[in-house]
């Protein structure tokens, strides 16, 4: 994602909340401190369908806000 961002493409990284600090630091270290990061509840694996839907809702809400802020969607 970092390389795509550096090439001018709008990218969003989705990861689980316990990795917020790691994701933020990696983005900064790799030269894209403004990389949009979306955080959802942990874990991703081994969850049932209602939990998958909840993770998707969490990510979707944040993604829509990021896209609206860039005026990609109205």
PDB file of N, CA and C in Angstrom:
ATOM      1  N   UNK A   1       0.814  -1.189   0.000  1.00  0.00           N
ATOM      2  CA  UNK A   1       0.000   0.000   0.000  1.00  0.00           C
ATOM      3  C   UNK A   1       0.864   1.262   0.000  1.00  0.00           C
ATOM      4  N   UNK A   2       1.952   1.182   0.687  1.00  0.00           N
ATOM      5  CA  UNK A   2       2.845   2.338   0.749  1.00  0.00           C
ATOM      6  C   UNK A   2       3.338   2.705  -0.643  1.00  0.00           C
ATOM      7  N   UNK A   3       3.744   1.697  -1.426  1.00  0.00           N
ATOM      8  CA  UNK A   3       4.241   1.972  -2.773  1.00  0.00           C
ATOM      9  C   UNK A   3       3.146   2.549  -3.662  1.00  0.00           C
ATOM     10  N   UNK A   4       1.930   2.042  -3.522  1.00  0.00           N
ATOM     11  CA  UNK A   4       0.819   2.596  -4.292  1.00  0.00           C
ATOM     12  C   UNK A   4       0.577   4.049  -3.908  1.00  0.00           C
ATOM     13  N   UNK A   5       0.612   4.323  -2.621  1.00  0.00           N
ATOM     14  CA  UNK A   5       0.401   5.695  -2.142  1.00  0.00           C
ATOM     15  C   UNK A   5       1.494   6.626  -2.668  1.00  0.00           C
ATOM     16  N   UNK A   6       2.721   6.150  -2.630  1.00  0.00           N
ATOM     17  CA  UNK A   6       3.838   6.962  -3.126  1.00  0.00           C
ATOM     18  C   UNK A   6       3.717   7.236  -4.624  1.00  0.00           C
ATOM     19  N   UNK A   7       3.004   6.381  -5.340  1.00  0.00           N
ATOM     20  CA  UNK A   7       2.782   6.575  -6.781  1.00  0.00           C
ATOM     21  C   UNK A   7       1.562   7.448  -7.055  1.00  0.00           C
ATOM     22  N   UNK A   8       0.950   7.957  -5.989  1.00  0.00           N
ATOM     23  CA  UNK A   8      -0.153   8.890  -6.165  1.00  0.00           C
ATOM     24  C   UNK A   8      -1.537   8.289  -6.113  1.00  0.00           C
ATOM     25  N   UNK A   9      -1.638   6.992  -5.853  1.00  0.00           N
ATOM     26  CA  UNK A   9      -2.949   6.362  -5.761  1.00  0.00           C
ATOM     27  C   UNK A   9      -3.498   6.498  -4.342  1.00  0.00           C
ATOM     28  N   UNK A  10      -4.772   6.783  -4.238  1.00  0.00           N
ATOM     29  CA  UNK A  10      -5.387   6.860  -2.916  1.00  0.00           C
ATOM     30  C   UNK A  10      -5.579   5.435  -2.401  1.00  0.00           C
ATOM     31  N   UNK A  11      -5.013   5.150  -1.252  1.00  0.00           N
ATOM     32  CA  UNK A  11      -5.109   3.822  -0.656  1.00  0.00           C
ATOM     33  C   UNK A  11      -5.559   3.939   0.788  1.00  0.00           C
ATOM     34  N   UNK A  12      -6.164   2.898   1.284  1.00  0.00           N
ATOM     35  CA  UNK A  12      -6.580   2.821   2.675  1.00  0.00           C
ATOM     36  C   UNK A  12      -6.151   1.457   3.191  1.00  0.00           C
ATOM     37  N   UNK A  13      -5.540   1.435   4.354  1.00  0.00           N
ATOM     38  CA  UNK A  13      -5.114   0.182   4.968  1.00  0.00           C
ATOM     39  C   UNK A  13      -6.093  -0.154   6.088  1.00  0.00           C
ATOM     40  N   UNK A  14      -6.571  -1.397   6.094  1.00  0.00           N
ATOM     41  CA  UNK A  14      -7.472  -1.874   7.139  1.00  0.00           C
ATOM     42  C   UNK A  14      -6.709  -2.864   8.007  1.00  0.00           C
ATOM     43  N   UNK A  15      -6.729  -2.638   9.314  1.00  0.00           N
ATOM     44  CA  UNK A  15      -6.098  -3.587  10.227  1.00  0.00           C
ATOM     45  C   UNK A  15      -6.861  -3.598  11.552  1.00  0.00           C
ATOM     46  N   UNK A  16      -6.540  -4.559  12.380  1.00  0.00           N
ATOM     47  CA  UNK A  16      -7.264  -4.655  13.639  1.00  0.00           C
ATOM     48  C   UNK A  16      -6.637  -3.737  14.687  1.00  0.00           C
ATOM     49  N   UNK A  17      -7.466  -3.312  15.599  1.00  0.00           N
ATOM     50  CA  UNK A  17      -7.121  -2.276  16.570  1.00  0.00           C
ATOM     51  C   UNK A  17      -5.835  -2.522  17.364  1.00  0.00           C
ATOM     52  N   UNK A  18      -5.524  -3.756  17.772  1.00  0.00           N
ATOM     53  CA  UNK A  18      -4.285  -3.933  18.535  1.00  0.00           C
ATOM     54  C   UNK A  18      -3.017  -3.543  17.772  1.00  0.00           C
ATOM     55  N   UNK A  19      -3.134  -3.423  16.452  1.00  0.00           N
ATOM     56  CA  UNK A  19      -1.969  -3.096  15.630  1.00  0.00           C
ATOM     57  C   UNK A  19      -1.925  -1.626  15.223  1.00  0.00           C
ATOM     58  N   UNK A  20      -2.719  -0.793  15.880  1.00  0.00           N
ATOM     59  CA  UNK A  20      -2.776   0.628  15.537  1.00  0.00           C
ATOM     60  C   UNK A  20      -1.410   1.292  15.643  1.00  0.00           C
ATOM     61  N   UNK A  21      -0.732   1.074  16.750  1.00  0.00           N
ATOM     62  CA  UNK A  21       0.581   1.698  16.947  1.00  0.00           C
ATOM     63  C   UNK A  21       1.582   1.212  15.894  1.00  0.00           C
ATOM     64  N   UNK A  22       1.593  -0.081  15.639  1.00  0.00           N
ATOM     65  CA  UNK A  22       2.497  -0.643  14.643  1.00  0.00           C
ATOM     66  C   UNK A  22       2.210  -0.067  13.261  1.00  0.00           C
ATOM     67  N   UNK A  23       0.946  -0.027  12.869  1.00  0.00           N
ATOM     68  CA  UNK A  23       0.581   0.497  11.551  1.00  0.00           C
ATOM     69  C   UNK A  23       0.959   1.966  11.405  1.00  0.00           C
ATOM     70  N   UNK A  24       0.683   2.741  12.430  1.00  0.00           N
ATOM     71  CA  UNK A  24       1.004   4.169  12.403  1.00  0.00           C
ATOM     72  C   UNK A  24       2.509   4.384  12.285  1.00  0.00           C
ATOM     73  N   UNK A  25       3.268   3.644  13.079  1.00  0.00           N
ATOM     74  CA  UNK A  25       4.728   3.783  13.040  1.00  0.00           C
ATOM     75  C   UNK A  25       5.302   3.317  11.710  1.00  0.00           C
ATOM     76  N   UNK A  26       4.795   2.219  11.180  1.00  0.00           N
ATOM     77  CA  UNK A  26       5.291   1.721   9.895  1.00  0.00           C
ATOM     78  C   UNK A  26       5.011   2.715   8.776  1.00  0.00           C
ATOM     79  N   UNK A  27       3.822   3.281   8.774  1.00  0.00           N
ATOM     80  CA  UNK A  27       3.496   4.274   7.745  1.00  0.00           C
ATOM     81  C   UNK A  27       4.469   5.453   7.819  1.00  0.00           C
ATOM     82  N   UNK A  28       4.736   5.909   9.029  1.00  0.00           N
ATOM     83  CA  UNK A  28       5.662   7.033   9.214  1.00  0.00           C
ATOM     84  C   UNK A  28       7.074   6.648   8.772  1.00  0.00           C
ATOM     85  N   UNK A  29       7.554   5.492   9.220  1.00  0.00           N
ATOM     86  CA  UNK A  29       8.904   5.032   8.886  1.00  0.00           C
ATOM     87  C   UNK A  29       9.072   4.840   7.380  1.00  0.00           C
ATOM     88  N   UNK A  30       8.021   4.357   6.724  1.00  0.00           N
ATOM     89  CA  UNK A  30       8.084   4.103   5.287  1.00  0.00           C
ATOM     90  C   UNK A  30       7.805   5.338   4.440  1.00  0.00           C
ATOM     91  N   UNK A  31       7.630   6.485   5.095  1.00  0.00           N
ATOM     92  CA  UNK A  31       7.544   7.746   4.369  1.00  0.00           C
ATOM     93  C   UNK A  31       6.167   8.211   3.973  1.00  0.00           C
ATOM     94  N   UNK A  32       5.124   7.607   4.528  1.00  0.00           N
ATOM     95  CA  UNK A  32       3.756   8.049   4.225  1.00  0.00           C
ATOM     96  C   UNK A  32       2.966   8.221   5.536  1.00  0.00           C
ATOM     97  N   UNK A  33       3.355   9.196   6.330  1.00  0.00           N
ATOM     98  CA  UNK A  33       2.698   9.368   7.634  1.00  0.00           C
ATOM     99  C   UNK A  33       1.213   9.711   7.526  1.00  0.00           C
ATOM    100  N   UNK A  34       0.785  10.147   6.353  1.00  0.00           N
ATOM    101  CA  UNK A  34      -0.631  10.493   6.156  1.00  0.00           C
ATOM    102  C   UNK A  34      -1.428   9.344   5.553  1.00  0.00           C
ATOM    103  N   UNK A  35      -0.853   8.137   5.500  1.00  0.00           N
ATOM    104  CA  UNK A  35      -1.550   6.976   4.949  1.00  0.00           C
ATOM    105  C   UNK A  35      -2.830   6.739   5.746  1.00  0.00           C
ATOM    106  N   UNK A  36      -3.979   6.731   5.077  1.00  0.00           N
ATOM    107  CA  UNK A  36      -5.230   6.498   5.800  1.00  0.00           C
ATOM    108  C   UNK A  36      -5.280   5.075   6.365  1.00  0.00           C
ATOM    109  N   UNK A  37      -5.517   4.994   7.655  1.00  0.00           N
ATOM    110  CA  UNK A  37      -5.589   3.716   8.345  1.00  0.00           C
ATOM    111  C   UNK A  37      -6.986   3.547   8.927  1.00  0.00           C
ATOM    112  N   UNK A  38      -7.544   2.364   8.746  1.00  0.00           N
ATOM    113  CA  UNK A  38      -8.863   2.027   9.274  1.00  0.00           C
ATOM    114  C   UNK A  38      -8.669   0.881  10.256  1.00  0.00           C
ATOM    115  N   UNK A  39      -9.234   1.024  11.437  1.00  0.00           N
ATOM    116  CA  UNK A  39      -9.071   0.014  12.479  1.00  0.00           C
ATOM    117  C   UNK A  39     -10.412  -0.601  12.845  1.00  0.00           C
ATOM    118  N   UNK A  40     -10.404  -1.921  12.939  1.00  0.00           N
ATOM    119  CA  UNK A  40     -11.600  -2.661  13.329  1.00  0.00           C
ATOM    120  C   UNK A  40     -11.248  -3.566  14.508  1.00  0.00           C
ATOM    121  N   UNK A  41     -12.275  -4.118  15.122  1.00  0.00           N
ATOM    122  CA  UNK A  41     -12.058  -5.016  16.252  1.00  0.00           C
ATOM    123  C   UNK A  41     -11.206  -6.212  15.850  1.00  0.00           C
ATOM    124  N   UNK A  42     -10.503  -6.735  16.806  1.00  0.00           N
ATOM    125  CA  UNK A  42      -9.666  -7.918  16.637  1.00  0.00           C
ATOM    126  C   UNK A  42     -10.449  -9.105  17.177  1.00  0.00           C
ATOM    127  N   UNK A  43     -10.340 -10.276  16.646  1.00  0.00           N
ATOM    128  CA  UNK A  43      -9.526 -10.733  15.528  1.00  0.00           C
ATOM    129  C   UNK A  43     -10.303 -10.715  14.219  1.00  0.00           C
ATOM    130  N   UNK A  44      -9.585 -11.033  13.135  1.00  0.00           N
ATOM    131  CA  UNK A  44     -10.215 -11.232  11.831  1.00  0.00           C
ATOM    132  C   UNK A  44     -10.550 -12.711  11.630  1.00  0.00           C
ATOM    133  N   UNK A  45      -9.652 -13.555  12.065  1.00  0.00           N
ATOM    134  CA  UNK A  45      -9.792 -14.995  11.801  1.00  0.00           C
ATOM    135  C   UNK A  45     -10.628 -15.678  12.884  1.00  0.00           C
ATOM    136  N   UNK A  46     -11.287 -16.754  12.490  1.00  0.00           N
ATOM    137  CA  UNK A  46     -12.002 -17.579  13.440  1.00  0.00           C
ATOM    138  C   UNK A  46     -13.257 -16.956  14.029  1.00  0.00           C
ATOM    139  N   UNK A  47     -13.863 -16.036  13.291  1.00  0.00           N
ATOM    140  CA  UNK A  47     -15.064 -15.380  13.792  1.00  0.00           C
ATOM    141  C   UNK A  47     -16.273 -15.818  12.981  1.00  0.00           C
ATOM    142  N   UNK A  48     -17.442 -15.703  13.584  1.00  0.00           N
ATOM    143  CA  UNK A  48     -18.648 -16.128  12.887  1.00  0.00           C
ATOM    144  C   UNK A  48     -19.185 -15.014  11.992  1.00  0.00           C
ATOM    145  N   UNK A  49     -20.175 -15.342  11.182  1.00  0.00           N
ATOM    146  CA  UNK A  49     -20.692 -14.409  10.186  1.00  0.00           C
ATOM    147  C   UNK A  49     -21.187 -13.090  10.776  1.00  0.00           C
ATOM    148  N   UNK A  50     -21.915 -13.077  11.890  1.00  0.00           N
ATOM    149  CA  UNK A  50     -22.314 -11.783  12.467  1.00  0.00           C
ATOM    150  C   UNK A  50     -21.114 -10.904  12.848  1.00  0.00           C
ATOM    151  N   UNK A  51     -20.047 -11.541  13.312  1.00  0.00           N
ATOM    152  CA  UNK A  51     -18.847 -10.765  13.648  1.00  0.00           C
ATOM    153  C   UNK A  51     -18.160 -10.244  12.388  1.00  0.00           C
ATOM    154  N   UNK A  52     -18.162 -11.035  11.340  1.00  0.00           N
ATOM    155  CA  UNK A  52     -17.607 -10.577  10.052  1.00  0.00           C
ATOM    156  C   UNK A  52     -18.379  -9.353   9.572  1.00  0.00           C
ATOM    157  N   UNK A  53     -19.699  -9.427   9.665  1.00  0.00           N
ATOM    158  CA  UNK A  53     -20.524  -8.293   9.254  1.00  0.00           C
ATOM    159  C   UNK A  53     -20.218  -7.052  10.091  1.00  0.00           C
ATOM    160  N   UNK A  54     -19.988  -7.237  11.380  1.00  0.00           N
ATOM    161  CA  UNK A  54     -19.665  -6.107  12.252  1.00  0.00           C
ATOM    162  C   UNK A  54     -18.328  -5.483  11.862  1.00  0.00           C
ATOM    163  N   UNK A  55     -17.334  -6.312  11.563  1.00  0.00           N
ATOM    164  CA  UNK A  55     -16.031  -5.776  11.122  1.00  0.00           C
ATOM    165  C   UNK A  55     -16.206  -4.996   9.823  1.00  0.00           C
ATOM    166  N   UNK A  56     -17.002  -5.536   8.920  1.00  0.00           N
ATOM    167  CA  UNK A  56     -17.247  -4.862   7.639  1.00  0.00           C
ATOM    168  C   UNK A  56     -17.951  -3.527   7.863  1.00  0.00           C
ATOM    169  N   UNK A  57     -18.922  -3.498   8.779  1.00  0.00           N
ATOM    170  CA  UNK A  57     -19.618  -2.252   9.077  1.00  0.00           C
ATOM    171  C   UNK A  57     -18.641  -1.227   9.662  1.00  0.00           C
ATOM    172  N   UNK A  58     -17.801  -1.672  10.595  1.00  0.00           N
ATOM    173  CA  UNK A  58     -16.811  -0.773  11.201  1.00  0.00           C
ATOM    174  C   UNK A  58     -15.898  -0.187  10.131  1.00  0.00           C
ATOM    175  N   UNK A  59     -15.369  -1.046   9.274  1.00  0.00           N
ATOM    176  CA  UNK A  59     -14.466  -0.582   8.216  1.00  0.00           C
ATOM    177  C   UNK A  59     -15.208   0.313   7.237  1.00  0.00           C
ATOM    178  N   UNK A  60     -16.404  -0.101   6.828  1.00  0.00           N
ATOM    179  CA  UNK A  60     -17.168   0.659   5.844  1.00  0.00           C
ATOM    180  C   UNK A  60     -17.474   2.070   6.295  1.00  0.00           C
ATOM    181  N   UNK A  61     -17.867   2.214   7.552  1.00  0.00           N
ATOM    182  CA  UNK A  61     -18.154   3.555   8.085  1.00  0.00           C
ATOM    183  C   UNK A  61     -16.928   4.457   8.001  1.00  0.00           C
ATOM    184  N   UNK A  62     -15.786   3.923   8.413  1.00  0.00           N
ATOM    185  CA  UNK A  62     -14.556   4.720   8.399  1.00  0.00           C
ATOM    186  C   UNK A  62     -14.107   5.021   6.963  1.00  0.00           C
ATOM    187  N   UNK A  63     -14.225   4.037   6.086  1.00  0.00           N
ATOM    188  CA  UNK A  63     -13.825   4.223   4.690  1.00  0.00           C
ATOM    189  C   UNK A  63     -14.687   5.293   4.029  1.00  0.00           C
ATOM    190  N   UNK A  64     -15.979   5.255   4.271  1.00  0.00           N
ATOM    191  CA  UNK A  64     -16.872   6.266   3.689  1.00  0.00           C
ATOM    192  C   UNK A  64     -16.497   7.665   4.179  1.00  0.00           C
ATOM    193  N   UNK A  65     -16.152   7.798   5.447  1.00  0.00           N
ATOM    194  CA  UNK A  65     -15.724   9.112   5.969  1.00  0.00           C
ATOM    195  C   UNK A  65     -14.450   9.585   5.281  1.00  0.00           C
ATOM    196  N   UNK A  66     -13.499   8.671   5.105  1.00  0.00           N
ATOM    197  CA  UNK A  66     -12.249   9.040   4.428  1.00  0.00           C
ATOM    198  C   UNK A  66     -12.497   9.434   2.981  1.00  0.00           C
ATOM    199  N   UNK A  67     -13.333   8.691   2.289  1.00  0.00           N
ATOM    200  CA  UNK A  67     -13.641   9.011   0.895  1.00  0.00           C
ATOM    201  C   UNK A  67     -14.405  10.329   0.794  1.00  0.00           C
ATOM    202  N   UNK A  68     -15.341  10.551   1.685  1.00  0.00           N
ATOM    203  CA  UNK A  68     -16.104  11.806   1.660  1.00  0.00           C
ATOM    204  C   UNK A  68     -15.195  12.997   1.933  1.00  0.00           C
ATOM    205  N   UNK A  69     -14.227  12.826   2.815  1.00  0.00           N
ATOM    206  CA  UNK A  69     -13.294  13.917   3.122  1.00  0.00           C
ATOM    207  C   UNK A  69     -12.449  14.269   1.903  1.00  0.00           C
ATOM    208  N   UNK A  70     -12.215  13.291   1.050  1.00  0.00           N
ATOM    209  CA  UNK A  70     -11.466  13.533  -0.193  1.00  0.00           C
ATOM    210  C   UNK A  70     -12.374  13.916  -1.339  1.00  0.00           C
ATOM    211  N   UNK A  71     -13.684  13.961  -1.059  1.00  0.00           N
ATOM    212  CA  UNK A  71     -14.691  14.296  -2.063  1.00  0.00           C
ATOM    213  C   UNK A  71     -14.694  13.269  -3.203  1.00  0.00           C
ATOM    214  N   UNK A  72     -14.388  12.004  -2.847  1.00  0.00           N
ATOM    215  CA  UNK A  72     -14.441  10.915  -3.824  1.00  0.00           C
ATOM    216  C   UNK A  72     -15.873  10.442  -3.963  1.00  0.00           C
ATOM    217  N   UNK A  73     -16.646  10.548  -2.876  1.00  0.00           N
ATOM    218  CA  UNK A  73     -18.066  10.181  -2.895  1.00  0.00           C
ATOM    219  C   UNK A  73     -18.865  11.365  -2.368  1.00  0.00           C
ATOM    220  N   UNK A  74     -20.138  11.406  -2.694  1.00  0.00           N
ATOM    221  CA  UNK A  74     -20.952  12.493  -2.170  1.00  0.00           C
ATOM    222  C   UNK A  74     -22.077  11.956  -1.321  1.00  0.00           C
TER     223      UNK A  74
END
